[in-house]
Protein backbone atom coordinates (compact mmCIF):
# COMPACT_ATOMS: atom_id res chain seq x y z
CA UNK A 1 -29.28 -1.09 31.47
CA UNK A 2 -30.36 2.37 30.38
CA UNK A 3 -31.24 1.02 26.94
CA UNK A 4 -33.19 -1.86 28.43
CA UNK A 5 -35.15 0.62 30.52
CA UNK A 6 -35.77 2.86 27.51
CA UNK A 7 -36.98 0.14 25.12
CA UNK A 8 -39.62 -2.20 26.47
CA UNK A 9 -39.15 -4.88 23.80
CA UNK A 10 -35.34 -5.07 23.77
CA UNK A 11 -33.06 -8.11 23.82
CA UNK A 12 -29.39 -8.39 24.66
CA UNK A 13 -27.10 -9.72 21.93
CA UNK A 14 -23.87 -11.36 23.07
CA UNK A 15 -22.47 -14.26 21.03
CA UNK A 16 -25.71 -14.48 19.07
CA UNK A 17 -25.87 -18.27 18.92
CA UNK A 18 -29.02 -18.53 21.01
CA UNK A 19 -31.00 -15.44 19.99
CA UNK A 20 -30.27 -15.23 16.25
CA UNK A 21 -31.52 -18.74 15.38
CA UNK A 22 -34.77 -17.94 17.18
CA UNK A 23 -35.08 -14.69 15.22
CA UNK A 24 -34.45 -16.57 11.99
CA UNK A 25 -37.35 -18.91 12.82
CA UNK A 26 -39.52 -15.93 13.87
CA UNK A 27 -39.79 -17.37 17.37
CA UNK A 28 -38.35 -14.10 18.68
CA UNK A 29 -38.91 -10.69 17.12
CA UNK A 30 -37.41 -8.06 19.43
CA UNK A 31 -37.90 -4.43 18.42
CA UNK A 32 -34.38 -3.50 19.58
CA UNK A 33 -31.11 -5.42 19.94
CA UNK A 34 -28.59 -4.19 22.50
CA UNK A 35 -25.13 -5.46 21.54
CA UNK A 36 -22.98 -6.21 24.61
CA UNK A 37 -20.46 -8.35 22.72
CA UNK A 38 -17.56 -5.93 23.17
CA UNK A 39 -18.10 -5.22 26.85
CA UNK A 40 -15.39 -6.43 29.29
CA UNK A 41 -17.45 -9.26 30.76
CA UNK A 42 -15.33 -12.26 29.77
CA UNK A 43 -12.90 -14.16 31.96
CA UNK A 44 -12.33 -17.16 34.22
CA UNK A 45 -11.16 -16.57 37.78
CA UNK A 46 -10.55 -18.98 40.64
CA UNK A 47 -10.46 -17.16 43.96
CA UNK A 48 -8.77 -18.92 46.86
CA UNK A 49 -11.03 -19.36 49.86
CA UNK A 50 -11.61 -21.45 52.92
CA UNK A 51 -12.12 -24.57 50.82
CA UNK A 52 -9.78 -26.20 48.27
CA UNK A 53 -9.83 -24.71 44.78
CA UNK A 54 -11.73 -21.57 45.89
CA UNK A 55 -14.69 -20.18 43.97
CA UNK A 56 -14.96 -20.26 40.18
CA UNK A 57 -16.23 -17.04 38.62
CA UNK A 58 -17.07 -17.11 34.91
CA UNK A 59 -17.71 -13.81 33.13
CA UNK A 60 -20.93 -13.77 31.12
CA UNK A 61 -19.16 -13.25 27.78
CA UNK A 62 -16.72 -16.13 28.27
CA UNK A 63 -17.00 -18.43 25.27
CA UNK A 64 -17.85 -22.11 25.53
CA UNK A 65 -14.49 -23.00 23.97
CA UNK A 66 -12.59 -21.05 26.60
CA UNK A 67 -14.47 -22.91 29.34
CA UNK A 68 -13.96 -26.27 27.66
CA UNK A 69 -10.17 -25.93 27.45
CA UNK A 70 -9.62 -24.23 30.82
CA UNK A 71 -7.30 -26.25 33.05
CA UNK A 72 -8.65 -24.74 36.32
CA UNK A 73 -12.24 -25.47 35.32
CA UNK A 74 -11.41 -29.06 34.37
CA UNK A 75 -9.48 -29.52 37.62
CA UNK A 76 -12.29 -28.52 39.95
CA UNK A 77 -15.53 -28.37 38.02
CA UNK A 78 -15.17 -31.01 35.32
CA UNK A 79 -18.90 -31.40 34.65
CA UNK A 80 -19.04 -27.71 33.72
CA UNK A 81 -16.07 -28.03 31.34
CA UNK A 82 -17.60 -31.15 29.76
CA UNK A 83 -20.96 -29.42 29.32
CA UNK A 84 -19.27 -26.50 27.57
CA UNK A 85 -17.27 -28.87 25.34
CA UNK A 86 -20.45 -30.64 24.23
CA UNK A 87 -22.24 -27.52 22.97
CA UNK A 88 -22.86 -27.27 19.23
CA UNK A 89 -19.84 -27.31 16.93
CA UNK A 90 -16.51 -25.40 16.91
CA UNK A 91 -18.10 -22.28 15.40
CA UNK A 92 -20.79 -22.17 18.09
CA UNK A 93 -18.28 -22.87 20.88
CA UNK A 94 -15.96 -20.11 19.69
CA UNK A 95 -18.69 -17.46 19.52
CA UNK A 96 -21.44 -18.54 21.91
CA UNK A 97 -21.16 -17.30 25.49
CA UNK A 98 -21.75 -18.94 28.86
CA UNK A 99 -23.95 -16.10 30.09
CA UNK A 100 -26.04 -16.06 26.94
CA UNK A 101 -26.52 -19.82 27.12
CA UNK A 102 -27.72 -19.73 30.72
CA UNK A 103 -29.89 -16.61 30.29
CA UNK A 104 -31.57 -18.12 27.22
CA UNK A 105 -32.75 -21.10 29.32
CA UNK A 106 -33.31 -23.44 26.41
CA UNK A 107 -34.34 -26.80 27.92
CA UNK A 108 -32.06 -28.63 25.45
CA UNK A 109 -28.99 -26.57 26.30
CA UNK A 110 -26.05 -28.02 28.24
CA UNK A 111 -24.75 -25.58 30.87
CA UNK A 112 -27.91 -25.23 33.03
CA UNK A 113 -27.89 -28.76 34.50
CA UNK A 114 -24.15 -28.60 35.19
CA UNK A 115 -24.56 -25.20 36.87
CA UNK A 116 -27.38 -26.62 39.00
CA UNK A 117 -25.56 -29.83 39.94
CA UNK A 118 -22.48 -27.87 41.02
CA UNK A 119 -24.54 -25.55 43.28
CA UNK A 120 -23.83 -22.57 41.07
CA UNK A 121 -25.45 -19.17 41.09
CA UNK A 122 -26.06 -16.33 38.68
CA UNK A 123 -24.97 -12.74 39.32
CA UNK A 124 -27.47 -10.31 37.81
CA UNK A 125 -26.77 -6.58 37.67
CA UNK A 126 -29.55 -4.04 37.32
CA UNK A 127 -30.33 -0.38 38.09
CA UNK A 128 -30.37 -1.17 41.84
CA UNK A 129 -27.06 -3.03 41.83
CA UNK A 130 -26.06 -6.68 41.72
CA UNK A 131 -27.88 -9.67 43.18
CA UNK A 132 -27.01 -13.34 43.38
CA UNK A 133 -29.60 -15.90 42.26
CA UNK A 134 -29.07 -19.60 43.11
CA UNK A 135 -29.36 -21.83 40.06
CA UNK A 136 -32.27 -23.73 41.62
CA UNK A 137 -34.24 -20.45 41.65
CA UNK A 138 -33.04 -19.05 38.33
CA UNK A 139 -34.70 -21.36 35.77
CA UNK A 140 -38.44 -20.81 36.01
CA UNK A 141 -39.93 -22.24 32.83
CA UNK A 142 -39.46 -22.74 29.10
CA UNK A 143 -37.05 -19.97 28.01
CA UNK A 144 -37.95 -18.15 31.24
CA UNK A 145 -35.62 -17.09 34.06
CA UNK A 146 -35.61 -14.96 37.20
CA UNK A 147 -33.84 -12.10 35.39
CA UNK A 148 -35.74 -8.83 35.51
CA UNK A 149 -36.30 -6.99 32.19
CA UNK A 150 -33.65 -4.37 33.01
CA UNK A 151 -31.05 -6.76 34.45
CA UNK A 152 -27.93 -8.12 32.77
CA UNK A 153 -26.41 -11.47 33.67
CA UNK A 154 -22.79 -10.54 34.42
CA UNK A 155 -21.23 -13.60 36.09
CA UNK A 156 -21.68 -17.26 36.92
CA UNK A 157 -20.27 -18.42 40.26
CA UNK A 158 -19.58 -22.01 41.31
CA UNK A 159 -18.31 -22.95 44.78
CA UNK A 160 -15.40 -25.31 45.17
CA UNK A 161 -16.53 -28.94 45.15
CA UNK A 162 -14.38 -29.93 48.10
CA UNK A 163 -12.01 -32.89 48.53
CA UNK A 164 -12.77 -36.37 47.20
CA UNK A 165 -15.46 -35.03 44.90
CA UNK A 166 -15.99 -36.02 41.28
CA UNK A 167 -18.36 -34.64 38.68
CA UNK A 168 -19.34 -35.60 35.15
CA UNK A 169 -21.58 -34.49 32.30
CA UNK A 170 -22.75 -37.06 29.75
CA UNK A 171 -25.12 -36.39 26.89
CA UNK A 172 -27.30 -38.09 24.31
CA UNK A 173 -27.54 -35.48 21.58
CA UNK A 174 -29.83 -34.92 18.64
CA UNK A 175 -27.85 -36.13 15.60
CA UNK A 176 -28.71 -33.08 13.49
CA UNK A 177 -28.65 -30.16 15.92
CA UNK A 178 -26.37 -31.40 18.69
CA UNK A 179 -28.88 -30.23 21.31
CA UNK A 180 -29.35 -32.41 24.38
CA UNK A 181 -32.11 -34.96 24.08
CA UNK A 182 -30.86 -35.97 27.52
CA UNK A 183 -27.86 -34.50 29.32
CA UNK A 184 -26.95 -35.75 32.80
CA UNK A 185 -24.75 -33.82 35.26
CA UNK A 186 -23.68 -35.82 38.30
CA UNK A 187 -21.67 -35.00 41.41
CA UNK A 188 -20.46 -37.56 43.97
CA UNK A 189 -18.55 -36.62 47.14
CA UNK A 190 -16.98 -39.35 49.26
CA UNK A 191 -16.06 -39.40 52.91
CA UNK A 192 -12.81 -40.79 54.27
CA UNK A 193 -14.52 -44.16 54.67
CA UNK A 194 -15.39 -44.26 50.96
CA UNK A 195 -19.11 -43.84 51.55
CA UNK A 196 -21.13 -41.20 49.74
CA UNK A 197 -21.44 -38.07 51.85
CA UNK A 198 -23.23 -36.06 49.15
CA UNK A 199 -24.54 -36.55 45.63
CA UNK A 200 -26.33 -34.48 43.00
CA UNK A 201 -27.98 -35.48 39.74
CA UNK A 202 -29.49 -33.00 37.26
CA UNK A 203 -30.70 -33.21 33.67
CA UNK A 204 -31.02 -31.08 30.55
CA UNK A 205 -33.37 -31.83 27.67
CA UNK A 206 -35.79 -33.99 29.61
CA UNK A 207 -38.19 -31.39 31.05
CA UNK A 208 -38.89 -27.69 30.42
CA UNK A 209 -36.45 -26.64 33.16
CA UNK A 210 -33.35 -28.44 34.42
CA UNK A 211 -34.49 -31.50 36.36
CA UNK A 212 -32.97 -31.90 39.84
CA UNK A 213 -33.28 -35.55 40.87
CA UNK A 214 -33.11 -34.87 44.59
CA UNK A 215 -34.62 -38.21 45.56
CA UNK A 216 -31.82 -40.12 43.81
CA UNK A 217 -29.20 -37.99 45.55
CA UNK A 218 -30.86 -38.55 48.93
CA UNK A 219 -30.96 -42.30 48.36
CA UNK A 220 -27.21 -42.40 47.67
CA UNK A 221 -26.19 -40.26 50.65
CA UNK A 222 -24.56 -42.40 53.31
CA UNK A 223 -24.32 -45.46 51.10
CA UNK A 224 -21.44 -47.36 49.58
CA UNK A 225 -21.93 -45.97 46.04
CA UNK A 226 -21.19 -49.19 44.20
CA UNK A 227 -22.83 -50.04 40.90
CA UNK A 228 -25.66 -51.90 42.59
CA UNK A 229 -26.45 -48.96 44.91
CA UNK A 230 -26.51 -46.57 41.96
CA UNK A 231 -28.75 -48.89 39.94
CA UNK A 232 -31.14 -49.23 42.88
CA UNK A 233 -31.28 -45.51 43.64
CA UNK A 234 -32.04 -44.64 40.02
CA UNK A 235 -34.60 -47.43 39.60
CA UNK A 236 -36.43 -46.62 42.84
CA UNK A 237 -36.20 -42.83 43.01
CA UNK A 238 -35.86 -41.23 39.56
CA UNK A 239 -39.20 -39.77 38.53
CA UNK A 240 -39.64 -37.65 35.41
CA UNK A 241 -42.83 -35.56 35.54
CA UNK A 242 -44.15 -34.14 32.25
CA UNK A 243 -41.17 -35.07 30.04
CA UNK A 244 -40.66 -33.18 26.80
CA UNK A 245 -41.75 -34.89 23.59
CA UNK A 246 -41.20 -34.15 19.90
CA UNK A 247 -40.95 -35.94 16.58
CA UNK A 248 -37.47 -37.22 17.44
CA UNK A 249 -38.00 -38.48 21.00
CA UNK A 250 -41.17 -39.21 22.93
CA UNK A 251 -41.56 -38.39 26.60
CA UNK A 252 -41.28 -42.06 27.48
CA UNK A 253 -38.05 -42.35 25.49
CA UNK A 254 -36.56 -39.29 27.21
CA UNK A 255 -37.46 -40.69 30.63
CA UNK A 256 -35.70 -43.95 29.74
CA UNK A 257 -32.66 -42.04 28.51
CA UNK A 258 -32.59 -40.21 31.84
CA UNK A 259 -32.38 -43.52 33.70
CA UNK A 260 -29.58 -44.78 31.46
CA UNK A 261 -27.53 -41.58 31.59
CA UNK A 262 -28.12 -41.14 35.33
CA UNK A 263 -26.38 -44.43 36.00
CA UNK A 264 -23.53 -43.68 33.63
CA UNK A 265 -22.88 -40.14 34.90
CA UNK A 266 -23.02 -41.18 38.56
CA UNK A 267 -20.53 -43.99 37.94
CA UNK A 268 -18.08 -41.66 36.19
CA UNK A 269 -18.41 -39.05 38.97
CA UNK A 270 -17.84 -41.75 41.61
CA UNK A 271 -14.68 -43.02 39.92
CA UNK A 272 -13.32 -39.49 39.72
CA UNK A 273 -14.08 -38.97 43.40
CA UNK A 274 -12.31 -42.21 44.25
CA UNK A 275 -9.16 -40.93 42.63
CA UNK A 276 -9.10 -38.41 45.43
CA UNK A 277 -9.06 -35.10 43.57
CA UNK A 278 -12.12 -33.27 42.27
CA UNK A 279 -12.28 -33.46 38.52
CA UNK A 280 -9.13 -35.60 38.24
């Protein structure tokens, strides 16, 4: 933090698999790199609390591979484990970090939508201490977050999903880069009567910031979440404003992918919830 205060144009270097490619393409040219790769900021901890499975805390320097193979993460927060497992290739997953991925805020990355769908938050530490930033307030624009220039992202926190809750992350990836053309993170929680008591649906790769399809979730709440109900909620309520477009996928194509992957992810999350244990 002292170095970030001293050098105005400084960037943190952790795993390097977000920042270094941008530097190679001259999209980022920081005057100073502050290497935090050897700081003790890695780890996965599940703290018991008032709800089943407790709270998941992920240290900022935890690698994607470690998240992807973690039994506790898969047991309670499966969408987050699946998002981590879908990032890049083995080299990227073994060196890239969860905190770096989230702080970079690339719209085609995988963790942001899963963090948002699972009601996660970011812990940022700065000269005045630590503060907690909900995921729905953290991502503010293309490669832009709520982090202050002298703050360091130190942890990611995800609350327990509760009983009879399932989550899933499904992705249509660019065949060359592996980045998300469309990634869908879905959460479905069922009541004792089998009806949907809560749902969440978020996307990577479709818009400049993670897209939270709140209208779809609201349409499913209280319903019998059968295939027809999911189809209807997505068809009637999913709206994609200003979708991203490039030479590989137009905005219209991305919006259509969002509809397809919304249905698929919600169905997988529902089936996991029906099995009675979150992430089972």
